[in-house]
Amino acid sequence: MEFLMIVAADPEAEPYVAEEDTAEAWVEEMDGRGVRVRGNRLHPAERATTVRRRGGRVLVTDGPFAETKETILGYDVLECASLEEAIEVAAKHPMARFGRLELRPAWPFDPDEGA
C-alpha cells in the first residue's frame, strides 16, 4: 500500500532539539528497508503558489491556500504492507516528536470508476 506521510509543524509538540534530530538516520533505515519511495523538505509556505480555476479563468496567488500555524514542512511517500507498518515507520521519524505526521493512503485513480 502506498501512503503519503505529511510532515508538519505542530505548536503543541516538544521543542525542537537539533542534536536529537535523527532524520538522516531515519531516511537511511527506511531506504534500507525499502519502504521509503521518496521524500523531501519543502520551502516555507511563503514560497507557495496557489492555483485555482474559477469561471474558466486560471487564478494564481502567491502564498499558501490557508493561514495556519501548523505548516507543512515536507513529505515522504511510503510503500508499506499495511497501515500498521506505516504507523510503525512514522513513529520512528523525529518529527513524530517535534511536529506532527499525517499518513494518507493513496487512492489510485481508476478511469473506469463510476462509469
PDB file of N, CA and C in Angstrom:
ATOM      1  N   MET A   1       0.842  -1.175   0.000  1.00  0.00           N
ATOM      2  CA  MET A   1       0.000   0.000   0.000  1.00  0.00           C
ATOM      3  C   MET A   1       0.890   1.243   0.000  1.00  0.00           C
ATOM      4  N   GLU A   2       0.501   2.219  -0.797  1.00  0.00           N
ATOM      5  CA  GLU A   2       1.256   3.459  -0.829  1.00  0.00           C
ATOM      6  C   GLU A   2       0.605   4.472   0.105  1.00  0.00           C
ATOM      7  N   PHE A   3       1.448   5.163   0.881  1.00  0.00           N
ATOM      8  CA  PHE A   3       0.998   6.195   1.818  1.00  0.00           C
ATOM      9  C   PHE A   3       1.784   7.470   1.571  1.00  0.00           C
ATOM     10  N   LEU A   4       1.111   8.597   1.690  1.00  0.00           N
ATOM     11  CA  LEU A   4       1.791   9.882   1.734  1.00  0.00           C
ATOM     12  C   LEU A   4       1.907  10.242   3.209  1.00  0.00           C
ATOM     13  N   MET A   5       3.124  10.480   3.659  1.00  0.00           N
ATOM     14  CA  MET A   5       3.351  10.917   5.033  1.00  0.00           C
ATOM     15  C   MET A   5       3.663  12.404   4.976  1.00  0.00           C
ATOM     16  N   ILE A   6       2.746  13.205   5.490  1.00  0.00           N
ATOM     17  CA  ILE A   6       2.900  14.654   5.503  1.00  0.00           C
ATOM     18  C   ILE A   6       3.588  15.042   6.808  1.00  0.00           C
ATOM     19  N   VAL A   7       4.694  15.743   6.690  1.00  0.00           N
ATOM     20  CA  VAL A   7       5.473  16.186   7.844  1.00  0.00           C
ATOM     21  C   VAL A   7       5.081  17.638   8.119  1.00  0.00           C
ATOM     22  N   ALA A   8       4.583  17.895   9.321  1.00  0.00           N
ATOM     23  CA  ALA A   8       4.073  19.234   9.623  1.00  0.00           C
ATOM     24  C   ALA A   8       4.581  19.733  10.968  1.00  0.00           C
ATOM     25  N   ALA A   9       4.651  21.054  11.084  1.00  0.00           N
ATOM     26  CA  ALA A   9       4.949  21.688  12.364  1.00  0.00           C
ATOM     27  C   ALA A   9       3.720  21.544  13.253  1.00  0.00           C
ATOM     28  N   ASP A  10       3.947  21.576  14.543  1.00  0.00           N
ATOM     29  CA  ASP A  10       2.845  21.498  15.498  1.00  0.00           C
ATOM     30  C   ASP A  10       3.223  22.327  16.713  1.00  0.00           C
ATOM     31  N   PRO A  11       2.523  23.427  16.966  1.00  0.00           N
ATOM     32  CA  PRO A  11       2.885  24.296  18.086  1.00  0.00           C
ATOM     33  C   PRO A  11       2.769  23.608  19.452  1.00  0.00           C
ATOM     34  N   GLU A  12       2.079  22.477  19.524  1.00  0.00           N
ATOM     35  CA  GLU A  12       1.930  21.762  20.793  1.00  0.00           C
ATOM     36  C   GLU A  12       2.968  20.660  20.976  1.00  0.00           C
ATOM     37  N   ALA A  13       3.879  20.488  20.012  1.00  0.00           N
ATOM     38  CA  ALA A  13       4.890  19.438  20.085  1.00  0.00           C
ATOM     39  C   ALA A  13       6.008  19.836  21.043  1.00  0.00           C
ATOM     40  N   GLU A  14       6.865  18.856  21.324  1.00  0.00           N
ATOM     41  CA  GLU A  14       8.051  19.134  22.139  1.00  0.00           C
ATOM     42  C   GLU A  14       8.932  20.143  21.412  1.00  0.00           C
ATOM     43  N   PRO A  15       9.667  20.959  22.142  1.00  0.00           N
ATOM     44  CA  PRO A  15      10.583  21.896  21.487  1.00  0.00           C
ATOM     45  C   PRO A  15      11.615  21.135  20.645  1.00  0.00           C
ATOM     46  N   TYR A  16      11.930  21.691  19.481  1.00  0.00           N
ATOM     47  CA  TYR A  16      12.899  21.069  18.582  1.00  0.00           C
ATOM     48  C   TYR A  16      14.293  21.136  19.186  1.00  0.00           C
ATOM     49  N   VAL A  17      14.995  20.010  19.148  1.00  0.00           N
ATOM     50  CA  VAL A  17      16.374  19.919  19.630  1.00  0.00           C
ATOM     51  C   VAL A  17      17.208  19.377  18.475  1.00  0.00           C
ATOM     52  N   ALA A  18      18.019  20.232  17.872  1.00  0.00           N
ATOM     53  CA  ALA A  18      18.786  19.850  16.679  1.00  0.00           C
ATOM     54  C   ALA A  18      19.643  18.609  16.918  1.00  0.00           C
ATOM     55  N   GLU A  19      20.244  18.491  18.085  1.00  0.00           N
ATOM     56  CA  GLU A  19      21.107  17.349  18.388  1.00  0.00           C
ATOM     57  C   GLU A  19      20.328  16.034  18.431  1.00  0.00           C
ATOM     58  N   GLU A  20      19.024  16.101  18.612  1.00  0.00           N
ATOM     59  CA  GLU A  20      18.195  14.898  18.688  1.00  0.00           C
ATOM     60  C   GLU A  20      17.411  14.655  17.404  1.00  0.00           C
ATOM     61  N   ASP A  21      17.709  15.425  16.371  1.00  0.00           N
ATOM     62  CA  ASP A  21      17.050  15.259  15.074  1.00  0.00           C
ATOM     63  C   ASP A  21      17.737  14.116  14.336  1.00  0.00           C
ATOM     64  N   THR A  22      17.068  12.981  14.266  1.00  0.00           N
ATOM     65  CA  THR A  22      17.629  11.766  13.660  1.00  0.00           C
ATOM     66  C   THR A  22      17.058  11.516  12.267  1.00  0.00           C
ATOM     67  N   ALA A  23      16.659  12.577  11.576  1.00  0.00           N
ATOM     68  CA  ALA A  23      16.021  12.414  10.272  1.00  0.00           C
ATOM     69  C   ALA A  23      16.925  11.682   9.280  1.00  0.00           C
ATOM     70  N   GLU A  24      18.209  11.991   9.260  1.00  0.00           N
ATOM     71  CA  GLU A  24      19.112  11.324   8.322  1.00  0.00           C
ATOM     72  C   GLU A  24      19.183   9.829   8.609  1.00  0.00           C
ATOM     73  N   ALA A  25      19.245   9.445   9.867  1.00  0.00           N
ATOM     74  CA  ALA A  25      19.275   8.023  10.231  1.00  0.00           C
ATOM     75  C   ALA A  25      17.952   7.356   9.863  1.00  0.00           C
ATOM     76  N   TRP A  26      16.828   8.073  10.047  1.00  0.00           N
ATOM     77  CA  TRP A  26      15.517   7.530   9.679  1.00  0.00           C
ATOM     78  C   TRP A  26      15.463   7.272   8.186  1.00  0.00           C
ATOM     79  N   VAL A  27      15.923   8.232   7.373  1.00  0.00           N
ATOM     80  CA  VAL A  27      15.924   8.070   5.913  1.00  0.00           C
ATOM     81  C   VAL A  27      16.785   6.863   5.542  1.00  0.00           C
ATOM     82  N   GLU A  28      17.962   6.764   6.117  1.00  0.00           N
ATOM     83  CA  GLU A  28      18.859   5.640   5.812  1.00  0.00           C
ATOM     84  C   GLU A  28      18.201   4.301   6.158  1.00  0.00           C
ATOM     85  N   GLU A  29      17.572   4.214   7.330  1.00  0.00           N
ATOM     86  CA  GLU A  29      16.918   2.967   7.730  1.00  0.00           C
ATOM     87  C   GLU A  29      15.747   2.620   6.812  1.00  0.00           C
ATOM     88  N   MET A  30      14.893   3.613   6.520  1.00  0.00           N
ATOM     89  CA  MET A  30      13.703   3.330   5.709  1.00  0.00           C
ATOM     90  C   MET A  30      14.060   3.062   4.247  1.00  0.00           C
ATOM     91  N   ASP A  31      15.092   3.737   3.743  1.00  0.00           N
ATOM     92  CA  ASP A  31      15.581   3.416   2.397  1.00  0.00           C
ATOM     93  C   ASP A  31      16.116   1.987   2.378  1.00  0.00           C
ATOM     94  N   GLY A  32      16.844   1.614   3.421  1.00  0.00           N
ATOM     95  CA  GLY A  32      17.384   0.255   3.521  1.00  0.00           C
ATOM     96  C   GLY A  32      16.300  -0.803   3.599  1.00  0.00           C
ATOM     97  N   ARG A  33      15.215  -0.491   4.264  1.00  0.00           N
ATOM     98  CA  ARG A  33      14.077  -1.420   4.363  1.00  0.00           C
ATOM     99  C   ARG A  33      13.243  -1.438   3.088  1.00  0.00           C
ATOM    100  N   GLY A  34      13.434  -0.443   2.246  1.00  0.00           N
ATOM    101  CA  GLY A  34      12.680  -0.368   1.001  1.00  0.00           C
ATOM    102  C   GLY A  34      11.268   0.166   1.169  1.00  0.00           C
ATOM    103  N   VAL A  35      10.967   0.834   2.284  1.00  0.00           N
ATOM    104  CA  VAL A  35       9.617   1.363   2.488  1.00  0.00           C
ATOM    105  C   VAL A  35       9.496   2.828   2.102  1.00  0.00           C
ATOM    106  N   ARG A  36      10.616   3.532   2.033  1.00  0.00           N
ATOM    107  CA  ARG A  36      10.580   4.945   1.644  1.00  0.00           C
ATOM    108  C   ARG A  36      10.833   5.032   0.142  1.00  0.00           C
ATOM    109  N   VAL A  37       9.828   5.475  -0.593  1.00  0.00           N
ATOM    110  CA  VAL A  37       9.927   5.588  -2.045  1.00  0.00           C
ATOM    111  C   VAL A  37      10.681   6.867  -2.407  1.00  0.00           C
ATOM    112  N   ARG A  38      10.294   7.977  -1.774  1.00  0.00           N
ATOM    113  CA  ARG A  38      10.958   9.262  -1.972  1.00  0.00           C
ATOM    114  C   ARG A  38      10.426  10.226  -0.920  1.00  0.00           C
ATOM    115  N   GLY A  39      11.083  11.357  -0.799  1.00  0.00           N
ATOM    116  CA  GLY A  39      10.637  12.375   0.138  1.00  0.00           C
ATOM    117  C   GLY A  39      11.554  13.566   0.082  1.00  0.00           C
ATOM    118  N   ASN A  40      11.090  14.664   0.674  1.00  0.00           N
ATOM    119  CA  ASN A  40      11.898  15.869   0.671  1.00  0.00           C
ATOM    120  C   ASN A  40      11.315  16.886   1.637  1.00  0.00           C
ATOM    121  N   ARG A  41      12.139  17.863   1.978  1.00  0.00           N
ATOM    122  CA  ARG A  41      11.659  19.022   2.718  1.00  0.00           C
ATOM    123  C   ARG A  41      10.962  19.945   1.732  1.00  0.00           C
ATOM    124  N   LEU A  42      10.175  20.859   2.244  1.00  0.00           N
ATOM    125  CA  LEU A  42       9.520  21.862   1.405  1.00  0.00           C
ATOM    126  C   LEU A  42       9.974  23.252   1.840  1.00  0.00           C
ATOM    127  N   HIS A  43      10.035  24.160   0.881  1.00  0.00           N
ATOM    128  CA  HIS A  43      10.316  25.554   1.219  1.00  0.00           C
ATOM    129  C   HIS A  43       9.177  26.069   2.092  1.00  0.00           C
ATOM    130  N   PRO A  44       9.390  27.161   2.825  1.00  0.00           N
ATOM    131  CA  PRO A  44       8.328  27.717   3.679  1.00  0.00           C
ATOM    132  C   PRO A  44       7.074  28.064   2.879  1.00  0.00           C
ATOM    133  N   ALA A  45       5.949  28.122   3.576  1.00  0.00           N
ATOM    134  CA  ALA A  45       4.650  28.386   2.952  1.00  0.00           C
ATOM    135  C   ALA A  45       4.641  29.703   2.177  1.00  0.00           C
ATOM    136  N   GLU A  46       5.457  30.652   2.577  1.00  0.00           N
ATOM    137  CA  GLU A  46       5.518  31.934   1.873  1.00  0.00           C
ATOM    138  C   GLU A  46       5.961  31.758   0.418  1.00  0.00           C
ATOM    139  N   ARG A  47       6.636  30.643   0.113  1.00  0.00           N
ATOM    140  CA  ARG A  47       7.096  30.381  -1.252  1.00  0.00           C
ATOM    141  C   ARG A  47       6.061  29.612  -2.069  1.00  0.00           C
ATOM    142  N   ALA A  48       4.922  29.316  -1.474  1.00  0.00           N
ATOM    143  CA  ALA A  48       3.876  28.547  -2.164  1.00  0.00           C
ATOM    144  C   ALA A  48       3.223  29.376  -3.256  1.00  0.00           C
ATOM    145  N   THR A  49       2.665  28.687  -4.221  1.00  0.00           N
ATOM    146  CA  THR A  49       1.838  29.291  -5.262  1.00  0.00           C
ATOM    147  C   THR A  49       0.534  28.509  -5.287  1.00  0.00           C
ATOM    148  N   THR A  50      -0.584  29.203  -5.155  1.00  0.00           N
ATOM    149  CA  THR A  50      -1.891  28.565  -5.164  1.00  0.00           C
ATOM    150  C   THR A  50      -2.523  28.772  -6.535  1.00  0.00           C
ATOM    151  N   VAL A  51      -3.022  27.682  -7.137  1.00  0.00           N
ATOM    152  CA  VAL A  51      -3.619  27.723  -8.471  1.00  0.00           C
ATOM    153  C   VAL A  51      -5.066  27.252  -8.370  1.00  0.00           C
ATOM    154  N   ARG A  52      -5.986  28.050  -8.945  1.00  0.00           N
ATOM    155  CA  ARG A  52      -7.411  27.697  -8.967  1.00  0.00           C
ATOM    156  C   ARG A  52      -7.971  28.041 -10.332  1.00  0.00           C
ATOM    157  N   ARG A  53      -9.045  27.356 -10.711  1.00  0.00           N
ATOM    158  CA  ARG A  53      -9.819  27.720 -11.907  1.00  0.00           C
ATOM    159  C   ARG A  53     -11.201  28.135 -11.439  1.00  0.00           C
ATOM    160  N   ARG A  54     -11.610  29.304 -11.841  1.00  0.00           N
ATOM    161  CA  ARG A  54     -12.932  29.817 -11.495  1.00  0.00           C
ATOM    162  C   ARG A  54     -13.516  30.482 -12.734  1.00  0.00           C
ATOM    163  N   GLY A  55     -14.706  30.059 -13.132  1.00  0.00           N
ATOM    164  CA  GLY A  55     -15.361  30.662 -14.283  1.00  0.00           C
ATOM    165  C   GLY A  55     -14.521  30.603 -15.543  1.00  0.00           C
ATOM    166  N   GLY A  56     -13.765  29.516 -15.708  1.00  0.00           N
ATOM    167  CA  GLY A  56     -12.933  29.352 -16.891  1.00  0.00           C
ATOM    168  C   GLY A  56     -11.618  30.108 -16.850  1.00  0.00           C
ATOM    169  N   ARG A  57     -11.366  30.849 -15.777  1.00  0.00           N
ATOM    170  CA  ARG A  57     -10.115  31.605 -15.642  1.00  0.00           C
ATOM    171  C   ARG A  57      -9.190  30.917 -14.663  1.00  0.00           C
ATOM    172  N   VAL A  58      -7.906  30.960 -14.949  1.00  0.00           N
ATOM    173  CA  VAL A  58      -6.890  30.441 -14.033  1.00  0.00           C
ATOM    174  C   VAL A  58      -6.476  31.573 -13.106  1.00  0.00           C
ATOM    175  N   LEU A  59      -6.606  31.337 -11.810  1.00  0.00           N
ATOM    176  CA  LEU A  59      -6.223  32.326 -10.804  1.00  0.00           C
ATOM    177  C   LEU A  59      -4.979  31.826 -10.084  1.00  0.00           C
ATOM    178  N   VAL A  60      -3.934  32.613 -10.058  1.00  0.00           N
ATOM    179  CA  VAL A  60      -2.675  32.255  -9.414  1.00  0.00           C
ATOM    180  C   VAL A  60      -2.417  33.250  -8.302  1.00  0.00           C
ATOM    181  N   THR A  61      -2.163  32.738  -7.098  1.00  0.00           N
ATOM    182  CA  THR A  61      -1.927  33.579  -5.931  1.00  0.00           C
ATOM    183  C   THR A  61      -0.609  33.187  -5.301  1.00  0.00           C
ATOM    184  N   ASP A  62       0.194  34.182  -4.956  1.00  0.00           N
ATOM    185  CA  ASP A  62       1.415  33.907  -4.201  1.00  0.00           C
ATOM    186  C   ASP A  62       1.029  33.588  -2.771  1.00  0.00           C
ATOM    187  N   GLY A  63       1.638  32.563  -2.228  1.00  0.00           N
ATOM    188  CA  GLY A  63       1.404  32.212  -0.842  1.00  0.00           C
ATOM    189  C   GLY A  63       0.527  30.986  -0.702  1.00  0.00           C
ATOM    190  N   PRO A  64       0.371  30.522   0.532  1.00  0.00           N
ATOM    191  CA  PRO A  64      -0.385  29.298   0.789  1.00  0.00           C
ATOM    192  C   PRO A  64      -1.884  29.497   0.635  1.00  0.00           C
ATOM    193  N   PHE A  65      -2.593  28.386   0.510  1.00  0.00           N
ATOM    194  CA  PHE A  65      -4.042  28.395   0.386  1.00  0.00           C
ATOM    195  C   PHE A  65      -4.696  28.873   1.683  1.00  0.00           C
ATOM    196  N   ALA A  66      -4.132  28.458   2.821  1.00  0.00           N
ATOM    197  CA  ALA A  66      -4.730  28.799   4.115  1.00  0.00           C
ATOM    198  C   ALA A  66      -3.652  29.283   5.080  1.00  0.00           C
ATOM    199  N   GLU A  67      -4.020  30.171   5.959  1.00  0.00           N
ATOM    200  CA  GLU A  67      -3.127  30.624   7.015  1.00  0.00           C
ATOM    201  C   GLU A  67      -3.290  29.693   8.206  1.00  0.00           C
ATOM    202  N   THR A  68      -2.183  29.113   8.657  1.00  0.00           N
ATOM    203  CA  THR A  68      -2.237  28.196   9.787  1.00  0.00           C
ATOM    204  C   THR A  68      -0.889  28.156  10.481  1.00  0.00           C
ATOM    205  N   LYS A  69      -0.875  27.831  11.757  1.00  0.00           N
ATOM    206  CA  LYS A  69       0.376  27.679  12.498  1.00  0.00           C
ATOM    207  C   LYS A  69       1.000  26.317  12.239  1.00  0.00           C
ATOM    208  N   GLU A  70       0.203  25.364  11.779  1.00  0.00           N
ATOM    209  CA  GLU A  70       0.679  24.001  11.540  1.00  0.00           C
ATOM    210  C   GLU A  70       1.068  23.854  10.072  1.00  0.00           C
ATOM    211  N   THR A  71       2.214  24.404   9.702  1.00  0.00           N
ATOM    212  CA  THR A  71       2.631  24.401   8.314  1.00  0.00           C
ATOM    213  C   THR A  71       3.226  23.058   7.897  1.00  0.00           C
ATOM    214  N   ILE A  72       3.065  22.732   6.629  1.00  0.00           N
ATOM    215  CA  ILE A  72       3.637  21.511   6.071  1.00  0.00           C
ATOM    216  C   ILE A  72       5.108  21.771   5.794  1.00  0.00           C
ATOM    217  N   LEU A  73       5.965  20.914   6.325  1.00  0.00           N
ATOM    218  CA  LEU A  73       7.408  21.084   6.214  1.00  0.00           C
ATOM    219  C   LEU A  73       8.033  20.159   5.179  1.00  0.00           C
ATOM    220  N   GLY A  74       7.371  19.039   4.911  1.00  0.00           N
ATOM    221  CA  GLY A  74       7.932  18.071   3.977  1.00  0.00           C
ATOM    222  C   GLY A  74       6.996  16.909   3.787  1.00  0.00           C
ATOM    223  N   TYR A  75       7.494  15.898   3.081  1.00  0.00           N
ATOM    224  CA  TYR A  75       6.669  14.726   2.784  1.00  0.00           C
ATOM    225  C   TYR A  75       7.563  13.531   2.509  1.00  0.00           C
ATOM    226  N   ASP A  76       6.994  12.361   2.659  1.00  0.00           N
ATOM    227  CA  ASP A  76       7.627  11.112   2.240  1.00  0.00           C
ATOM    228  C   ASP A  76       6.535  10.241   1.646  1.00  0.00           C
ATOM    229  N   VAL A  77       6.872   9.541   0.589  1.00  0.00           N
ATOM    230  CA  VAL A  77       5.987   8.538   0.022  1.00  0.00           C
ATOM    231  C   VAL A  77       6.495   7.202   0.526  1.00  0.00           C
ATOM    232  N   LEU A  78       5.611   6.459   1.179  1.00  0.00           N
ATOM    233  CA  LEU A  78       5.970   5.177   1.774  1.00  0.00           C
ATOM    234  C   LEU A  78       5.255   4.045   1.053  1.00  0.00           C
ATOM    235  N   GLU A  79       5.903   2.922   0.940  1.00  0.00           N
ATOM    236  CA  GLU A  79       5.285   1.698   0.412  1.00  0.00           C
ATOM    237  C   GLU A  79       5.344   0.686   1.539  1.00  0.00           C
ATOM    238  N   CYS A  80       4.207   0.452   2.175  1.00  0.00           N
ATOM    239  CA  CYS A  80       4.133  -0.417   3.352  1.00  0.00           C
ATOM    240  C   CYS A  80       3.105  -1.518   3.121  1.00  0.00           C
ATOM    241  N   ALA A  81       3.266  -2.602   3.836  1.00  0.00           N
ATOM    242  CA  ALA A  81       2.346  -3.731   3.702  1.00  0.00           C
ATOM    243  C   ALA A  81       0.978  -3.425   4.300  1.00  0.00           C
ATOM    244  N   SER A  82       0.942  -2.488   5.262  1.00  0.00           N
ATOM    245  CA  SER A  82      -0.315  -2.216   5.959  1.00  0.00           C
ATOM    246  C   SER A  82      -0.240  -0.854   6.633  1.00  0.00           C
ATOM    247  N   LEU A  83      -1.381  -0.381   7.119  1.00  0.00           N
ATOM    248  CA  LEU A  83      -1.407   0.845   7.903  1.00  0.00           C
ATOM    249  C   LEU A  83      -0.573   0.677   9.167  1.00  0.00           C
ATOM    250  N   GLU A  84      -0.607  -0.488   9.759  1.00  0.00           N
ATOM    251  CA  GLU A  84       0.170  -0.745  10.974  1.00  0.00           C
ATOM    252  C   GLU A  84       1.659  -0.544  10.721  1.00  0.00           C
ATOM    253  N   GLU A  85       2.156  -1.038   9.572  1.00  0.00           N
ATOM    254  CA  GLU A  85       3.570  -0.838   9.260  1.00  0.00           C
ATOM    255  C   GLU A  85       3.849   0.643   9.009  1.00  0.00           C
ATOM    256  N   ALA A  86       2.948   1.339   8.326  1.00  0.00           N
ATOM    257  CA  ALA A  86       3.134   2.769   8.077  1.00  0.00           C
ATOM    258  C   ALA A  86       3.188   3.544   9.391  1.00  0.00           C
ATOM    259  N   ILE A  87       2.375   3.174  10.362  1.00  0.00           N
ATOM    260  CA  ILE A  87       2.393   3.818  11.675  1.00  0.00           C
ATOM    261  C   ILE A  87       3.720   3.551  12.372  1.00  0.00           C
ATOM    262  N   GLU A  88       4.207   2.327  12.296  1.00  0.00           N
ATOM    263  CA  GLU A  88       5.496   1.970  12.905  1.00  0.00           C
ATOM    264  C   GLU A  88       6.625   2.787  12.278  1.00  0.00           C
ATOM    265  N   VAL A  89       6.602   2.936  10.960  1.00  0.00           N
ATOM    266  CA  VAL A  89       7.612   3.713  10.244  1.00  0.00           C
ATOM    267  C   VAL A  89       7.520   5.185  10.649  1.00  0.00           C
ATOM    268  N   ALA A  90       6.322   5.747  10.675  1.00  0.00           N
ATOM    269  CA  ALA A  90       6.133   7.152  11.038  1.00  0.00           C
ATOM    270  C   ALA A  90       6.550   7.414  12.484  1.00  0.00           C
ATOM    271  N   ALA A  91       6.260   6.499  13.376  1.00  0.00           N
ATOM    272  CA  ALA A  91       6.574   6.684  14.791  1.00  0.00           C
ATOM    273  C   ALA A  91       8.075   6.798  15.034  1.00  0.00           C
ATOM    274  N   LYS A  92       8.886   6.252  14.137  1.00  0.00           N
ATOM    275  CA  LYS A  92      10.344   6.335  14.272  1.00  0.00           C
ATOM    276  C   LYS A  92      10.904   7.667  13.765  1.00  0.00           C
ATOM    277  N   HIS A  93      10.111   8.431  13.006  1.00  0.00           N
ATOM    278  CA  HIS A  93      10.577   9.704  12.440  1.00  0.00           C
ATOM    279  C   HIS A  93      10.684  10.733  13.561  1.00  0.00           C
ATOM    280  N   PRO A  94      11.747  11.549  13.595  1.00  0.00           N
ATOM    281  CA  PRO A  94      11.883  12.526  14.676  1.00  0.00           C
ATOM    282  C   PRO A  94      10.755  13.552  14.726  1.00  0.00           C
ATOM    283  N   MET A  95      10.094  13.814  13.608  1.00  0.00           N
ATOM    284  CA  MET A  95       9.015  14.791  13.634  1.00  0.00           C
ATOM    285  C   MET A  95       7.740  14.230  14.266  1.00  0.00           C
ATOM    286  N   ALA A  96       7.706  12.939  14.555  1.00  0.00           N
ATOM    287  CA  ALA A  96       6.599  12.404  15.356  1.00  0.00           C
ATOM    288  C   ALA A  96       6.676  13.020  16.754  1.00  0.00           C
ATOM    289  N   ARG A  97       7.880  13.396  17.156  1.00  0.00           N
ATOM    290  CA  ARG A  97       8.112  14.005  18.460  1.00  0.00           C
ATOM    291  C   ARG A  97       8.105  15.533  18.383  1.00  0.00           C
ATOM    292  N   PHE A  98       8.793  16.086  17.376  1.00  0.00           N
ATOM    293  CA  PHE A  98       8.980  17.538  17.284  1.00  0.00           C
ATOM    294  C   PHE A  98       7.917  18.237  16.450  1.00  0.00           C
ATOM    295  N   GLY A  99       7.029  17.473  15.837  1.00  0.00           N
ATOM    296  CA  GLY A  99       5.992  18.049  14.988  1.00  0.00           C
ATOM    297  C   GLY A  99       4.798  17.125  14.937  1.00  0.00           C
ATOM    298  N   ARG A 100       4.346  16.857  13.733  1.00  0.00           N
ATOM    299  CA  ARG A 100       3.181  16.005  13.545  1.00  0.00           C
ATOM    300  C   ARG A 100       3.332  15.327  12.189  1.00  0.00           C
ATOM    301  N   LEU A 101       2.940  14.067  12.112  1.00  0.00           N
ATOM    302  CA  LEU A 101       2.968  13.322  10.863  1.00  0.00           C
ATOM    303  C   LEU A 101       1.559  12.850  10.549  1.00  0.00           C
ATOM    304  N   GLU A 102       1.147  13.077   9.324  1.00  0.00           N
ATOM    305  CA  GLU A 102      -0.166  12.616   8.880  1.00  0.00           C
ATOM    306  C   GLU A 102       0.051  11.574   7.799  1.00  0.00           C
ATOM    307  N   LEU A 103      -0.559  10.412   7.968  1.00  0.00           N
ATOM    308  CA  LEU A 103      -0.479   9.337   6.974  1.00  0.00           C
ATOM    309  C   LEU A 103      -1.767   9.315   6.167  1.00  0.00           C
ATOM    310  N   ARG A 104      -1.614   9.329   4.855  1.00  0.00           N
ATOM    311  CA  ARG A 104      -2.782   9.239   3.973  1.00  0.00           C
ATOM    312  C   ARG A 104      -2.555   8.106   2.986  1.00  0.00           C
ATOM    313  N   PRO A 105      -3.448   7.112   2.965  1.00  0.00           N
ATOM    314  CA  PRO A 105      -3.297   6.059   1.953  1.00  0.00           C
ATOM    315  C   PRO A 105      -3.598   6.628   0.571  1.00  0.00           C
ATOM    316  N   ALA A 106      -2.811   6.183  -0.402  1.00  0.00           N
ATOM    317  CA  ALA A 106      -3.061   6.618  -1.780  1.00  0.00           C
ATOM    318  C   ALA A 106      -4.368   6.006  -2.260  1.00  0.00           C
ATOM    319  N   TRP A 107      -5.055   6.733  -3.087  1.00  0.00           N
ATOM    320  CA  TRP A 107      -6.312   6.288  -3.674  1.00  0.00           C
ATOM    321  C   TRP A 107      -6.091   6.287  -5.178  1.00  0.00           C
ATOM    322  N   PRO A 108      -5.566   5.172  -5.703  1.00  0.00           N
ATOM    323  CA  PRO A 108      -5.189   5.147  -7.121  1.00  0.00           C
ATOM    324  C   PRO A 108      -6.350   5.547  -8.029  1.00  0.00           C
ATOM    325  N   PHE A 109      -6.031   6.340  -9.030  1.00  0.00           N
ATOM    326  CA  PHE A 109      -7.014   6.808  -9.998  1.00  0.00           C
ATOM    327  C   PHE A 109      -7.421   5.645 -10.889  1.00  0.00           C
ATOM    328  N   ASP A 110      -8.695   5.448 -11.039  1.00  0.00           N
ATOM    329  CA  ASP A 110      -9.232   4.415 -11.931  1.00  0.00           C
ATOM    330  C   ASP A 110     -10.173   5.114 -12.902  1.00  0.00           C
ATOM    331  N   PRO A 111      -9.754   5.239 -14.172  1.00  0.00           N
ATOM    332  CA  PRO A 111     -10.593   5.956 -15.140  1.00  0.00           C
ATOM    333  C   PRO A 111     -11.950   5.278 -15.378  1.00  0.00           C
ATOM    334  N   ASP A 112     -12.076   3.989 -15.035  1.00  0.00           N
ATOM    335  CA  ASP A 112     -13.339   3.286 -15.225  1.00  0.00           C
ATOM    336  C   ASP A 112     -14.253   3.405 -14.015  1.00  0.00           C
ATOM    337  N   GLU A 113     -13.734   3.919 -12.906  1.00  0.00           N
ATOM    338  CA  GLU A 113     -14.531   4.040 -11.692  1.00  0.00           C
ATOM    339  C   GLU A 113     -15.681   5.011 -11.932  1.00  0.00           C
ATOM    340  N   GLY A 114     -16.850   4.638 -11.582  1.00  0.00           N
ATOM    341  CA  GLY A 114     -18.019   5.490 -11.726  1.00  0.00           C
ATOM    342  C   GLY A 114     -18.601   5.475 -13.117  1.00  0.00           C
ATOM    343  N   ALA A 115     -18.032   4.673 -14.017  1.00  0.00           N
ATOM    344  CA  ALA A 115     -18.559   4.631 -15.386  1.00  0.00           C
ATOM    345  C   ALA A 115     -19.730   3.695 -15.497  1.00  0.00           C
TER     346      ALA A 115
END
